[in-house]
PDBML (XML) file of the C-alpha atoms, coordinates in Angstrom:
<?xml version="1.0" encoding="UTF-8" ?>
<PDBx:datablock datablockName="MODEL"
   xmlns:PDBx="http://pdbml.pdb.org/schema/pdbx-v50.xsd"
   xmlns:xsi="http://www.w3.org/2001/XMLSchema-instance"
   xsi:schemaLocation="http://pdbml.pdb.org/schema/pdbx-v50.xsd pdbx-v50.xsd">
   <PDBx:atom_siteCategory>
      <PDBx:atom_site id="1">
         <PDBx:B_iso_or_equiv>0.00</PDBx:B_iso_or_equiv>
         <PDBx:Cartn_x>22.258</PDBx:Cartn_x>
         <PDBx:Cartn_y>-150.468</PDBx:Cartn_y>
         <PDBx:Cartn_z>76.570</PDBx:Cartn_z>
         <PDBx:auth_asym_id>A</PDBx:auth_asym_id>
         <PDBx:auth_atom_id>CA</PDBx:auth_atom_id>
         <PDBx:auth_comp_id>UNK</PDBx:auth_comp_id>
         <PDBx:auth_seq_id>1</PDBx:auth_seq_id>
         <PDBx:group_PDB>ATOM</PDBx:group_PDB>
         <PDBx:label_alt_id xsi:nil="true" />
         <PDBx:label_asym_id>A</PDBx:label_asym_id>
         <PDBx:label_atom_id>CA</PDBx:label_atom_id>
         <PDBx:label_comp_id>UNK</PDBx:label_comp_id>
         <PDBx:label_entity_id>1</PDBx:label_entity_id>
         <PDBx:label_seq_id>1</PDBx:label_seq_id>
         <PDBx:occupancy>1.00</PDBx:occupancy>
         <PDBx:pdbx_PDB_model_num>1</PDBx:pdbx_PDB_model_num>
         <PDBx:type_symbol>C</PDBx:type_symbol>
      </PDBx:atom_site>
      <PDBx:atom_site id="2">
         <PDBx:B_iso_or_equiv>0.00</PDBx:B_iso_or_equiv>
         <PDBx:Cartn_x>21.869</PDBx:Cartn_x>
         <PDBx:Cartn_y>-153.204</PDBx:Cartn_y>
         <PDBx:Cartn_z>79.065</PDBx:Cartn_z>
         <PDBx:auth_asym_id>A</PDBx:auth_asym_id>
         <PDBx:auth_atom_id>CA</PDBx:auth_atom_id>
         <PDBx:auth_comp_id>UNK</PDBx:auth_comp_id>
         <PDBx:auth_seq_id>2</PDBx:auth_seq_id>
         <PDBx:group_PDB>ATOM</PDBx:group_PDB>
         <PDBx:label_alt_id xsi:nil="true" />
         <PDBx:label_asym_id>A</PDBx:label_asym_id>
         <PDBx:label_atom_id>CA</PDBx:label_atom_id>
         <PDBx:label_comp_id>UNK</PDBx:label_comp_id>
         <PDBx:label_entity_id>1</PDBx:label_entity_id>
         <PDBx:label_seq_id>2</PDBx:label_seq_id>
         <PDBx:occupancy>1.00</PDBx:occupancy>
         <PDBx:pdbx_PDB_model_num>1</PDBx:pdbx_PDB_model_num>
         <PDBx:type_symbol>C</PDBx:type_symbol>
      </PDBx:atom_site>
      <PDBx:atom_site id="3">
         <PDBx:B_iso_or_equiv>0.00</PDBx:B_iso_or_equiv>
         <PDBx:Cartn_x>24.709</PDBx:Cartn_x>
         <PDBx:Cartn_y>-155.406</PDBx:Cartn_y>
         <PDBx:Cartn_z>77.100</PDBx:Cartn_z>
         <PDBx:auth_asym_id>A</PDBx:auth_asym_id>
         <PDBx:auth_atom_id>CA</PDBx:auth_atom_id>
         <PDBx:auth_comp_id>UNK</PDBx:auth_comp_id>
         <PDBx:auth_seq_id>3</PDBx:auth_seq_id>
         <PDBx:group_PDB>ATOM</PDBx:group_PDB>
         <PDBx:label_alt_id xsi:nil="true" />
         <PDBx:label_asym_id>A</PDBx:label_asym_id>
         <PDBx:label_atom_id>CA</PDBx:label_atom_id>
         <PDBx:label_comp_id>UNK</PDBx:label_comp_id>
         <PDBx:label_entity_id>1</PDBx:label_entity_id>
         <PDBx:label_seq_id>3</PDBx:label_seq_id>
         <PDBx:occupancy>1.00</PDBx:occupancy>
         <PDBx:pdbx_PDB_model_num>1</PDBx:pdbx_PDB_model_num>
         <PDBx:type_symbol>C</PDBx:type_symbol>
      </PDBx:atom_site>
      <PDBx:atom_site id="4">
         <PDBx:B_iso_or_equiv>0.00</PDBx:B_iso_or_equiv>
         <PDBx:Cartn_x>26.981</PDBx:Cartn_x>
         <PDBx:Cartn_y>-152.166</PDBx:Cartn_y>
         <PDBx:Cartn_z>76.814</PDBx:Cartn_z>
         <PDBx:auth_asym_id>A</PDBx:auth_asym_id>
         <PDBx:auth_atom_id>CA</PDBx:auth_atom_id>
         <PDBx:auth_comp_id>UNK</PDBx:auth_comp_id>
         <PDBx:auth_seq_id>4</PDBx:auth_seq_id>
         <PDBx:group_PDB>ATOM</PDBx:group_PDB>
         <PDBx:label_alt_id xsi:nil="true" />
         <PDBx:label_asym_id>A</PDBx:label_asym_id>
         <PDBx:label_atom_id>CA</PDBx:label_atom_id>
         <PDBx:label_comp_id>UNK</PDBx:label_comp_id>
         <PDBx:label_entity_id>1</PDBx:label_entity_id>
         <PDBx:label_seq_id>4</PDBx:label_seq_id>
         <PDBx:occupancy>1.00</PDBx:occupancy>
         <PDBx:pdbx_PDB_model_num>1</PDBx:pdbx_PDB_model_num>
         <PDBx:type_symbol>C</PDBx:type_symbol>
      </PDBx:atom_site>
      <PDBx:atom_site id="5">
         <PDBx:B_iso_or_equiv>0.00</PDBx:B_iso_or_equiv>
         <PDBx:Cartn_x>26.474</PDBx:Cartn_x>
         <PDBx:Cartn_y>-151.630</PDBx:Cartn_y>
         <PDBx:Cartn_z>80.602</PDBx:Cartn_z>
         <PDBx:auth_asym_id>A</PDBx:auth_asym_id>
         <PDBx:auth_atom_id>CA</PDBx:auth_atom_id>
         <PDBx:auth_comp_id>UNK</PDBx:auth_comp_id>
         <PDBx:auth_seq_id>5</PDBx:auth_seq_id>
         <PDBx:group_PDB>ATOM</PDBx:group_PDB>
         <PDBx:label_alt_id xsi:nil="true" />
         <PDBx:label_asym_id>A</PDBx:label_asym_id>
         <PDBx:label_atom_id>CA</PDBx:label_atom_id>
         <PDBx:label_comp_id>UNK</PDBx:label_comp_id>
         <PDBx:label_entity_id>1</PDBx:label_entity_id>
         <PDBx:label_seq_id>5</PDBx:label_seq_id>
         <PDBx:occupancy>1.00</PDBx:occupancy>
         <PDBx:pdbx_PDB_model_num>1</PDBx:pdbx_PDB_model_num>
         <PDBx:type_symbol>C</PDBx:type_symbol>
      </PDBx:atom_site>
      <PDBx:atom_site id="6">
         <PDBx:B_iso_or_equiv>0.00</PDBx:B_iso_or_equiv>
         <PDBx:Cartn_x>27.741</PDBx:Cartn_x>
         <PDBx:Cartn_y>-155.167</PDBx:Cartn_y>
         <PDBx:Cartn_z>81.263</PDBx:Cartn_z>
         <PDBx:auth_asym_id>A</PDBx:auth_asym_id>
         <PDBx:auth_atom_id>CA</PDBx:auth_atom_id>
         <PDBx:auth_comp_id>UNK</PDBx:auth_comp_id>
         <PDBx:auth_seq_id>6</PDBx:auth_seq_id>
         <PDBx:group_PDB>ATOM</PDBx:group_PDB>
         <PDBx:label_alt_id xsi:nil="true" />
         <PDBx:label_asym_id>A</PDBx:label_asym_id>
         <PDBx:label_atom_id>CA</PDBx:label_atom_id>
         <PDBx:label_comp_id>UNK</PDBx:label_comp_id>
         <PDBx:label_entity_id>1</PDBx:label_entity_id>
         <PDBx:label_seq_id>6</PDBx:label_seq_id>
         <PDBx:occupancy>1.00</PDBx:occupancy>
         <PDBx:pdbx_PDB_model_num>1</PDBx:pdbx_PDB_model_num>
         <PDBx:type_symbol>C</PDBx:type_symbol>
      </PDBx:atom_site>
      <PDBx:atom_site id="7">
         <PDBx:B_iso_or_equiv>0.00</PDBx:B_iso_or_equiv>
         <PDBx:Cartn_x>30.756</PDBx:Cartn_x>
         <PDBx:Cartn_y>-154.936</PDBx:Cartn_y>
         <PDBx:Cartn_z>79.298</PDBx:Cartn_z>
         <PDBx:auth_asym_id>A</PDBx:auth_asym_id>
         <PDBx:auth_atom_id>CA</PDBx:auth_atom_id>
         <PDBx:auth_comp_id>UNK</PDBx:auth_comp_id>
         <PDBx:auth_seq_id>7</PDBx:auth_seq_id>
         <PDBx:group_PDB>ATOM</PDBx:group_PDB>
         <PDBx:label_alt_id xsi:nil="true" />
         <PDBx:label_asym_id>A</PDBx:label_asym_id>
         <PDBx:label_atom_id>CA</PDBx:label_atom_id>
         <PDBx:label_comp_id>UNK</PDBx:label_comp_id>
         <PDBx:label_entity_id>1</PDBx:label_entity_id>
         <PDBx:label_seq_id>7</PDBx:label_seq_id>
         <PDBx:occupancy>1.00</PDBx:occupancy>
         <PDBx:pdbx_PDB_model_num>1</PDBx:pdbx_PDB_model_num>
         <PDBx:type_symbol>C</PDBx:type_symbol>
      </PDBx:atom_site>
      <PDBx:atom_site id="8">
         <PDBx:B_iso_or_equiv>0.00</PDBx:B_iso_or_equiv>
         <PDBx:Cartn_x>31.624</PDBx:Cartn_x>
         <PDBx:Cartn_y>-151.613</PDBx:Cartn_y>
         <PDBx:Cartn_z>80.741</PDBx:Cartn_z>
         <PDBx:auth_asym_id>A</PDBx:auth_asym_id>
         <PDBx:auth_atom_id>CA</PDBx:auth_atom_id>
         <PDBx:auth_comp_id>UNK</PDBx:auth_comp_id>
         <PDBx:auth_seq_id>8</PDBx:auth_seq_id>
         <PDBx:group_PDB>ATOM</PDBx:group_PDB>
         <PDBx:label_alt_id xsi:nil="true" />
         <PDBx:label_asym_id>A</PDBx:label_asym_id>
         <PDBx:label_atom_id>CA</PDBx:label_atom_id>
         <PDBx:label_comp_id>UNK</PDBx:label_comp_id>
         <PDBx:label_entity_id>1</PDBx:label_entity_id>
         <PDBx:label_seq_id>8</PDBx:label_seq_id>
         <PDBx:occupancy>1.00</PDBx:occupancy>
         <PDBx:pdbx_PDB_model_num>1</PDBx:pdbx_PDB_model_num>
         <PDBx:type_symbol>C</PDBx:type_symbol>
      </PDBx:atom_site>
      <PDBx:atom_site id="9">
         <PDBx:B_iso_or_equiv>0.00</PDBx:B_iso_or_equiv>
         <PDBx:Cartn_x>31.156</PDBx:Cartn_x>
         <PDBx:Cartn_y>-153.554</PDBx:Cartn_y>
         <PDBx:Cartn_z>84.106</PDBx:Cartn_z>
         <PDBx:auth_asym_id>A</PDBx:auth_asym_id>
         <PDBx:auth_atom_id>CA</PDBx:auth_atom_id>
         <PDBx:auth_comp_id>UNK</PDBx:auth_comp_id>
         <PDBx:auth_seq_id>9</PDBx:auth_seq_id>
         <PDBx:group_PDB>ATOM</PDBx:group_PDB>
         <PDBx:label_alt_id xsi:nil="true" />
         <PDBx:label_asym_id>A</PDBx:label_asym_id>
         <PDBx:label_atom_id>CA</PDBx:label_atom_id>
         <PDBx:label_comp_id>UNK</PDBx:label_comp_id>
         <PDBx:label_entity_id>1</PDBx:label_entity_id>
         <PDBx:label_seq_id>9</PDBx:label_seq_id>
         <PDBx:occupancy>1.00</PDBx:occupancy>
         <PDBx:pdbx_PDB_model_num>1</PDBx:pdbx_PDB_model_num>
         <PDBx:type_symbol>C</PDBx:type_symbol>
      </PDBx:atom_site>
      <PDBx:atom_site id="10">
         <PDBx:B_iso_or_equiv>0.00</PDBx:B_iso_or_equiv>
         <PDBx:Cartn_x>33.690</PDBx:Cartn_x>
         <PDBx:Cartn_y>-156.068</PDBx:Cartn_y>
         <PDBx:Cartn_z>82.744</PDBx:Cartn_z>
         <PDBx:auth_asym_id>A</PDBx:auth_asym_id>
         <PDBx:auth_atom_id>CA</PDBx:auth_atom_id>
         <PDBx:auth_comp_id>UNK</PDBx:auth_comp_id>
         <PDBx:auth_seq_id>10</PDBx:auth_seq_id>
         <PDBx:group_PDB>ATOM</PDBx:group_PDB>
         <PDBx:label_alt_id xsi:nil="true" />
         <PDBx:label_asym_id>A</PDBx:label_asym_id>
         <PDBx:label_atom_id>CA</PDBx:label_atom_id>
         <PDBx:label_comp_id>UNK</PDBx:label_comp_id>
         <PDBx:label_entity_id>1</PDBx:label_entity_id>
         <PDBx:label_seq_id>10</PDBx:label_seq_id>
         <PDBx:occupancy>1.00</PDBx:occupancy>
         <PDBx:pdbx_PDB_model_num>1</PDBx:pdbx_PDB_model_num>
         <PDBx:type_symbol>C</PDBx:type_symbol>
      </PDBx:atom_site>
      <PDBx:atom_site id="11">
         <PDBx:B_iso_or_equiv>0.00</PDBx:B_iso_or_equiv>
         <PDBx:Cartn_x>31.005</PDBx:Cartn_x>
         <PDBx:Cartn_y>-158.860</PDBx:Cartn_y>
         <PDBx:Cartn_z>83.424</PDBx:Cartn_z>
         <PDBx:auth_asym_id>A</PDBx:auth_asym_id>
         <PDBx:auth_atom_id>CA</PDBx:auth_atom_id>
         <PDBx:auth_comp_id>UNK</PDBx:auth_comp_id>
         <PDBx:auth_seq_id>11</PDBx:auth_seq_id>
         <PDBx:group_PDB>ATOM</PDBx:group_PDB>
         <PDBx:label_alt_id xsi:nil="true" />
         <PDBx:label_asym_id>A</PDBx:label_asym_id>
         <PDBx:label_atom_id>CA</PDBx:label_atom_id>
         <PDBx:label_comp_id>UNK</PDBx:label_comp_id>
         <PDBx:label_entity_id>1</PDBx:label_entity_id>
         <PDBx:label_seq_id>11</PDBx:label_seq_id>
         <PDBx:occupancy>1.00</PDBx:occupancy>
         <PDBx:pdbx_PDB_model_num>1</PDBx:pdbx_PDB_model_num>
         <PDBx:type_symbol>C</PDBx:type_symbol>
      </PDBx:atom_site>
      <PDBx:atom_site id="12">
         <PDBx:B_iso_or_equiv>0.00</PDBx:B_iso_or_equiv>
         <PDBx:Cartn_x>31.031</PDBx:Cartn_x>
         <PDBx:Cartn_y>-158.446</PDBx:Cartn_y>
         <PDBx:Cartn_z>86.983</PDBx:Cartn_z>
         <PDBx:auth_asym_id>A</PDBx:auth_asym_id>
         <PDBx:auth_atom_id>CA</PDBx:auth_atom_id>
         <PDBx:auth_comp_id>UNK</PDBx:auth_comp_id>
         <PDBx:auth_seq_id>12</PDBx:auth_seq_id>
         <PDBx:group_PDB>ATOM</PDBx:group_PDB>
         <PDBx:label_alt_id xsi:nil="true" />
         <PDBx:label_asym_id>A</PDBx:label_asym_id>
         <PDBx:label_atom_id>CA</PDBx:label_atom_id>
         <PDBx:label_comp_id>UNK</PDBx:label_comp_id>
         <PDBx:label_entity_id>1</PDBx:label_entity_id>
         <PDBx:label_seq_id>12</PDBx:label_seq_id>
         <PDBx:occupancy>1.00</PDBx:occupancy>
         <PDBx:pdbx_PDB_model_num>1</PDBx:pdbx_PDB_model_num>
         <PDBx:type_symbol>C</PDBx:type_symbol>
      </PDBx:atom_site>
      <PDBx:atom_site id="13">
         <PDBx:B_iso_or_equiv>0.00</PDBx:B_iso_or_equiv>
         <PDBx:Cartn_x>27.787</PDBx:Cartn_x>
         <PDBx:Cartn_y>-157.026</PDBx:Cartn_y>
         <PDBx:Cartn_z>88.690</PDBx:Cartn_z>
         <PDBx:auth_asym_id>A</PDBx:auth_asym_id>
         <PDBx:auth_atom_id>CA</PDBx:auth_atom_id>
         <PDBx:auth_comp_id>UNK</PDBx:auth_comp_id>
         <PDBx:auth_seq_id>13</PDBx:auth_seq_id>
         <PDBx:group_PDB>ATOM</PDBx:group_PDB>
         <PDBx:label_alt_id xsi:nil="true" />
         <PDBx:label_asym_id>A</PDBx:label_asym_id>
         <PDBx:label_atom_id>CA</PDBx:label_atom_id>
         <PDBx:label_comp_id>UNK</PDBx:label_comp_id>
         <PDBx:label_entity_id>1</PDBx:label_entity_id>
         <PDBx:label_seq_id>13</PDBx:label_seq_id>
         <PDBx:occupancy>1.00</PDBx:occupancy>
         <PDBx:pdbx_PDB_model_num>1</PDBx:pdbx_PDB_model_num>
         <PDBx:type_symbol>C</PDBx:type_symbol>
      </PDBx:atom_site>
      <PDBx:atom_site id="14">
         <PDBx:B_iso_or_equiv>0.00</PDBx:B_iso_or_equiv>
         <PDBx:Cartn_x>28.434</PDBx:Cartn_x>
         <PDBx:Cartn_y>-154.692</PDBx:Cartn_y>
         <PDBx:Cartn_z>91.587</PDBx:Cartn_z>
         <PDBx:auth_asym_id>A</PDBx:auth_asym_id>
         <PDBx:auth_atom_id>CA</PDBx:auth_atom_id>
         <PDBx:auth_comp_id>UNK</PDBx:auth_comp_id>
         <PDBx:auth_seq_id>14</PDBx:auth_seq_id>
         <PDBx:group_PDB>ATOM</PDBx:group_PDB>
         <PDBx:label_alt_id xsi:nil="true" />
         <PDBx:label_asym_id>A</PDBx:label_asym_id>
         <PDBx:label_atom_id>CA</PDBx:label_atom_id>
         <PDBx:label_comp_id>UNK</PDBx:label_comp_id>
         <PDBx:label_entity_id>1</PDBx:label_entity_id>
         <PDBx:label_seq_id>14</PDBx:label_seq_id>
         <PDBx:occupancy>1.00</PDBx:occupancy>
         <PDBx:pdbx_PDB_model_num>1</PDBx:pdbx_PDB_model_num>
         <PDBx:type_symbol>C</PDBx:type_symbol>
      </PDBx:atom_site>
      <PDBx:atom_site id="15">
         <PDBx:B_iso_or_equiv>0.00</PDBx:B_iso_or_equiv>
         <PDBx:Cartn_x>27.130</PDBx:Cartn_x>
         <PDBx:Cartn_y>-155.449</PDBx:Cartn_y>
         <PDBx:Cartn_z>95.024</PDBx:Cartn_z>
         <PDBx:auth_asym_id>A</PDBx:auth_asym_id>
         <PDBx:auth_atom_id>CA</PDBx:auth_atom_id>
         <PDBx:auth_comp_id>UNK</PDBx:auth_comp_id>
         <PDBx:auth_seq_id>15</PDBx:auth_seq_id>
         <PDBx:group_PDB>ATOM</PDBx:group_PDB>
         <PDBx:label_alt_id xsi:nil="true" />
         <PDBx:label_asym_id>A</PDBx:label_asym_id>
         <PDBx:label_atom_id>CA</PDBx:label_atom_id>
         <PDBx:label_comp_id>UNK</PDBx:label_comp_id>
         <PDBx:label_entity_id>1</PDBx:label_entity_id>
         <PDBx:label_seq_id>15</PDBx:label_seq_id>
         <PDBx:occupancy>1.00</PDBx:occupancy>
         <PDBx:pdbx_PDB_model_num>1</PDBx:pdbx_PDB_model_num>
         <PDBx:type_symbol>C</PDBx:type_symbol>
      </PDBx:atom_site>
      <PDBx:atom_site id="16">
         <PDBx:B_iso_or_equiv>0.00</PDBx:B_iso_or_equiv>
         <PDBx:Cartn_x>24.138</PDBx:Cartn_x>
         <PDBx:Cartn_y>-153.743</PDBx:Cartn_y>
         <PDBx:Cartn_z>95.569</PDBx:Cartn_z>
         <PDBx:auth_asym_id>A</PDBx:auth_asym_id>
         <PDBx:auth_atom_id>CA</PDBx:auth_atom_id>
         <PDBx:auth_comp_id>UNK</PDBx:auth_comp_id>
         <PDBx:auth_seq_id>16</PDBx:auth_seq_id>
         <PDBx:group_PDB>ATOM</PDBx:group_PDB>
         <PDBx:label_alt_id xsi:nil="true" />
         <PDBx:label_asym_id>A</PDBx:label_asym_id>
         <PDBx:label_atom_id>CA</PDBx:label_atom_id>
         <PDBx:label_comp_id>UNK</PDBx:label_comp_id>
         <PDBx:label_entity_id>1</PDBx:label_entity_id>
         <PDBx:label_seq_id>16</PDBx:label_seq_id>
         <PDBx:occupancy>1.00</PDBx:occupancy>
         <PDBx:pdbx_PDB_model_num>1</PDBx:pdbx_PDB_model_num>
         <PDBx:type_symbol>C</PDBx:type_symbol>
      </PDBx:atom_site>
      <PDBx:atom_site id="17">
         <PDBx:B_iso_or_equiv>0.00</PDBx:B_iso_or_equiv>
         <PDBx:Cartn_x>23.538</PDBx:Cartn_x>
         <PDBx:Cartn_y>-152.231</PDBx:Cartn_y>
         <PDBx:Cartn_z>99.010</PDBx:Cartn_z>
         <PDBx:auth_asym_id>A</PDBx:auth_asym_id>
         <PDBx:auth_atom_id>CA</PDBx:auth_atom_id>
         <PDBx:auth_comp_id>UNK</PDBx:auth_comp_id>
         <PDBx:auth_seq_id>17</PDBx:auth_seq_id>
         <PDBx:group_PDB>ATOM</PDBx:group_PDB>
         <PDBx:label_alt_id xsi:nil="true" />
         <PDBx:label_asym_id>A</PDBx:label_asym_id>
         <PDBx:label_atom_id>CA</PDBx:label_atom_id>
         <PDBx:label_comp_id>UNK</PDBx:label_comp_id>
         <PDBx:label_entity_id>1</PDBx:label_entity_id>
         <PDBx:label_seq_id>17</PDBx:label_seq_id>
         <PDBx:occupancy>1.00</PDBx:occupancy>
         <PDBx:pdbx_PDB_model_num>1</PDBx:pdbx_PDB_model_num>
         <PDBx:type_symbol>C</PDBx:type_symbol>
      </PDBx:atom_site>
      <PDBx:atom_site id="18">
         <PDBx:B_iso_or_equiv>0.00</PDBx:B_iso_or_equiv>
         <PDBx:Cartn_x>20.617</PDBx:Cartn_x>
         <PDBx:Cartn_y>-153.007</PDBx:Cartn_y>
         <PDBx:Cartn_z>101.067</PDBx:Cartn_z>
         <PDBx:auth_asym_id>A</PDBx:auth_asym_id>
         <PDBx:auth_atom_id>CA</PDBx:auth_atom_id>
         <PDBx:auth_comp_id>UNK</PDBx:auth_comp_id>
         <PDBx:auth_seq_id>18</PDBx:auth_seq_id>
         <PDBx:group_PDB>ATOM</PDBx:group_PDB>
         <PDBx:label_alt_id xsi:nil="true" />
         <PDBx:label_asym_id>A</PDBx:label_asym_id>
         <PDBx:label_atom_id>CA</PDBx:label_atom_id>
         <PDBx:label_comp_id>UNK</PDBx:label_comp_id>
         <PDBx:label_entity_id>1</PDBx:label_entity_id>
         <PDBx:label_seq_id>18</PDBx:label_seq_id>
         <PDBx:occupancy>1.00</PDBx:occupancy>
         <PDBx:pdbx_PDB_model_num>1</PDBx:pdbx_PDB_model_num>
         <PDBx:type_symbol>C</PDBx:type_symbol>
      </PDBx:atom_site>
      <PDBx:atom_site id="19">
         <PDBx:B_iso_or_equiv>0.00</PDBx:B_iso_or_equiv>
         <PDBx:Cartn_x>19.387</PDBx:Cartn_x>
         <PDBx:Cartn_y>-149.254</PDBx:Cartn_y>
         <PDBx:Cartn_z>101.032</PDBx:Cartn_z>
         <PDBx:auth_asym_id>A</PDBx:auth_asym_id>
         <PDBx:auth_atom_id>CA</PDBx:auth_atom_id>
         <PDBx:auth_comp_id>UNK</PDBx:auth_comp_id>
         <PDBx:auth_seq_id>19</PDBx:auth_seq_id>
         <PDBx:group_PDB>ATOM</PDBx:group_PDB>
         <PDBx:label_alt_id xsi:nil="true" />
         <PDBx:label_asym_id>A</PDBx:label_asym_id>
         <PDBx:label_atom_id>CA</PDBx:label_atom_id>
         <PDBx:label_comp_id>UNK</PDBx:label_comp_id>
         <PDBx:label_entity_id>1</PDBx:label_entity_id>
         <PDBx:label_seq_id>19</PDBx:label_seq_id>
         <PDBx:occupancy>1.00</PDBx:occupancy>
         <PDBx:pdbx_PDB_model_num>1</PDBx:pdbx_PDB_model_num>
         <PDBx:type_symbol>C</PDBx:type_symbol>
      </PDBx:atom_site>
      <PDBx:atom_site id="20">
         <PDBx:B_iso_or_equiv>0.00</PDBx:B_iso_or_equiv>
         <PDBx:Cartn_x>19.520</PDBx:Cartn_x>
         <PDBx:Cartn_y>-149.365</PDBx:Cartn_y>
         <PDBx:Cartn_z>97.129</PDBx:Cartn_z>
         <PDBx:auth_asym_id>A</PDBx:auth_asym_id>
         <PDBx:auth_atom_id>CA</PDBx:auth_atom_id>
         <PDBx:auth_comp_id>UNK</PDBx:auth_comp_id>
         <PDBx:auth_seq_id>20</PDBx:auth_seq_id>
         <PDBx:group_PDB>ATOM</PDBx:group_PDB>
         <PDBx:label_alt_id xsi:nil="true" />
         <PDBx:label_asym_id>A</PDBx:label_asym_id>
         <PDBx:label_atom_id>CA</PDBx:label_atom_id>
         <PDBx:label_comp_id>UNK</PDBx:label_comp_id>
         <PDBx:label_entity_id>1</PDBx:label_entity_id>
         <PDBx:label_seq_id>20</PDBx:label_seq_id>
         <PDBx:occupancy>1.00</PDBx:occupancy>
         <PDBx:pdbx_PDB_model_num>1</PDBx:pdbx_PDB_model_num>
         <PDBx:type_symbol>C</PDBx:type_symbol>
      </PDBx:atom_site>
      <PDBx:atom_site id="21">
         <PDBx:B_iso_or_equiv>0.00</PDBx:B_iso_or_equiv>
         <PDBx:Cartn_x>17.459</PDBx:Cartn_x>
         <PDBx:Cartn_y>-152.691</PDBx:Cartn_y>
         <PDBx:Cartn_z>96.892</PDBx:Cartn_z>
         <PDBx:auth_asym_id>A</PDBx:auth_asym_id>
         <PDBx:auth_atom_id>CA</PDBx:auth_atom_id>
         <PDBx:auth_comp_id>UNK</PDBx:auth_comp_id>
         <PDBx:auth_seq_id>21</PDBx:auth_seq_id>
         <PDBx:group_PDB>ATOM</PDBx:group_PDB>
         <PDBx:label_alt_id xsi:nil="true" />
         <PDBx:label_asym_id>A</PDBx:label_asym_id>
         <PDBx:label_atom_id>CA</PDBx:label_atom_id>
         <PDBx:label_comp_id>UNK</PDBx:label_comp_id>
         <PDBx:label_entity_id>1</PDBx:label_entity_id>
         <PDBx:label_seq_id>21</PDBx:label_seq_id>
         <PDBx:occupancy>1.00</PDBx:occupancy>
         <PDBx:pdbx_PDB_model_num>1</PDBx:pdbx_PDB_model_num>
         <PDBx:type_symbol>C</PDBx:type_symbol>
      </PDBx:atom_site>
      <PDBx:atom_site id="22">
         <PDBx:B_iso_or_equiv>0.00</PDBx:B_iso_or_equiv>
         <PDBx:Cartn_x>14.981</PDBx:Cartn_x>
         <PDBx:Cartn_y>-150.938</PDBx:Cartn_y>
         <PDBx:Cartn_z>99.398</PDBx:Cartn_z>
         <PDBx:auth_asym_id>A</PDBx:auth_asym_id>
         <PDBx:auth_atom_id>CA</PDBx:auth_atom_id>
         <PDBx:auth_comp_id>UNK</PDBx:auth_comp_id>
         <PDBx:auth_seq_id>22</PDBx:auth_seq_id>
         <PDBx:group_PDB>ATOM</PDBx:group_PDB>
         <PDBx:label_alt_id xsi:nil="true" />
         <PDBx:label_asym_id>A</PDBx:label_asym_id>
         <PDBx:label_atom_id>CA</PDBx:label_atom_id>
         <PDBx:label_comp_id>UNK</PDBx:label_comp_id>
         <PDBx:label_entity_id>1</PDBx:label_entity_id>
         <PDBx:label_seq_id>22</PDBx:label_seq_id>
         <PDBx:occupancy>1.00</PDBx:occupancy>
         <PDBx:pdbx_PDB_model_num>1</PDBx:pdbx_PDB_model_num>
         <PDBx:type_symbol>C</PDBx:type_symbol>
      </PDBx:atom_site>
      <PDBx:atom_site id="23">
         <PDBx:B_iso_or_equiv>0.00</PDBx:B_iso_or_equiv>
         <PDBx:Cartn_x>14.789</PDBx:Cartn_x>
         <PDBx:Cartn_y>-147.801</PDBx:Cartn_y>
         <PDBx:Cartn_z>96.945</PDBx:Cartn_z>
         <PDBx:auth_asym_id>A</PDBx:auth_asym_id>
         <PDBx:auth_atom_id>CA</PDBx:auth_atom_id>
         <PDBx:auth_comp_id>UNK</PDBx:auth_comp_id>
         <PDBx:auth_seq_id>23</PDBx:auth_seq_id>
         <PDBx:group_PDB>ATOM</PDBx:group_PDB>
         <PDBx:label_alt_id xsi:nil="true" />
         <PDBx:label_asym_id>A</PDBx:label_asym_id>
         <PDBx:label_atom_id>CA</PDBx:label_atom_id>
         <PDBx:label_comp_id>UNK</PDBx:label_comp_id>
         <PDBx:label_entity_id>1</PDBx:label_entity_id>
         <PDBx:label_seq_id>23</PDBx:label_seq_id>
         <PDBx:occupancy>1.00</PDBx:occupancy>
         <PDBx:pdbx_PDB_model_num>1</PDBx:pdbx_PDB_model_num>
         <PDBx:type_symbol>C</PDBx:type_symbol>
      </PDBx:atom_site>
      <PDBx:atom_site id="24">
         <PDBx:B_iso_or_equiv>0.00</PDBx:B_iso_or_equiv>
         <PDBx:Cartn_x>14.124</PDBx:Cartn_x>
         <PDBx:Cartn_y>-150.101</PDBx:Cartn_y>
         <PDBx:Cartn_z>94.105</PDBx:Cartn_z>
         <PDBx:auth_asym_id>A</PDBx:auth_asym_id>
         <PDBx:auth_atom_id>CA</PDBx:auth_atom_id>
         <PDBx:auth_comp_id>UNK</PDBx:auth_comp_id>
         <PDBx:auth_seq_id>24</PDBx:auth_seq_id>
         <PDBx:group_PDB>ATOM</PDBx:group_PDB>
         <PDBx:label_alt_id xsi:nil="true" />
         <PDBx:label_asym_id>A</PDBx:label_asym_id>
         <PDBx:label_atom_id>CA</PDBx:label_atom_id>
         <PDBx:label_comp_id>UNK</PDBx:label_comp_id>
         <PDBx:label_entity_id>1</PDBx:label_entity_id>
         <PDBx:label_seq_id>24</PDBx:label_seq_id>
         <PDBx:occupancy>1.00</PDBx:occupancy>
         <PDBx:pdbx_PDB_model_num>1</PDBx:pdbx_PDB_model_num>
         <PDBx:type_symbol>C</PDBx:type_symbol>
      </PDBx:atom_site>
      <PDBx:atom_site id="25">
         <PDBx:B_iso_or_equiv>0.00</PDBx:B_iso_or_equiv>
         <PDBx:Cartn_x>11.269</PDBx:Cartn_x>
         <PDBx:Cartn_y>-151.920</PDBx:Cartn_y>
         <PDBx:Cartn_z>95.803</PDBx:Cartn_z>
         <PDBx:auth_asym_id>A</PDBx:auth_asym_id>
         <PDBx:auth_atom_id>CA</PDBx:auth_atom_id>
         <PDBx:auth_comp_id>UNK</PDBx:auth_comp_id>
         <PDBx:auth_seq_id>25</PDBx:auth_seq_id>
         <PDBx:group_PDB>ATOM</PDBx:group_PDB>
         <PDBx:label_alt_id xsi:nil="true" />
         <PDBx:label_asym_id>A</PDBx:label_asym_id>
         <PDBx:label_atom_id>CA</PDBx:label_atom_id>
         <PDBx:label_comp_id>UNK</PDBx:label_comp_id>
         <PDBx:label_entity_id>1</PDBx:label_entity_id>
         <PDBx:label_seq_id>25</PDBx:label_seq_id>
         <PDBx:occupancy>1.00</PDBx:occupancy>
         <PDBx:pdbx_PDB_model_num>1</PDBx:pdbx_PDB_model_num>
         <PDBx:type_symbol>C</PDBx:type_symbol>
      </PDBx:atom_site>
   </PDBx:atom_siteCategory>
</PDBx:datablock>
């Protein structure tokens, strides 16, 4: 599922906003 996600993103991870990083943490 992660590999499919990577391919769907065209191998380019999006920028992650600081608010999302804090939420994940």
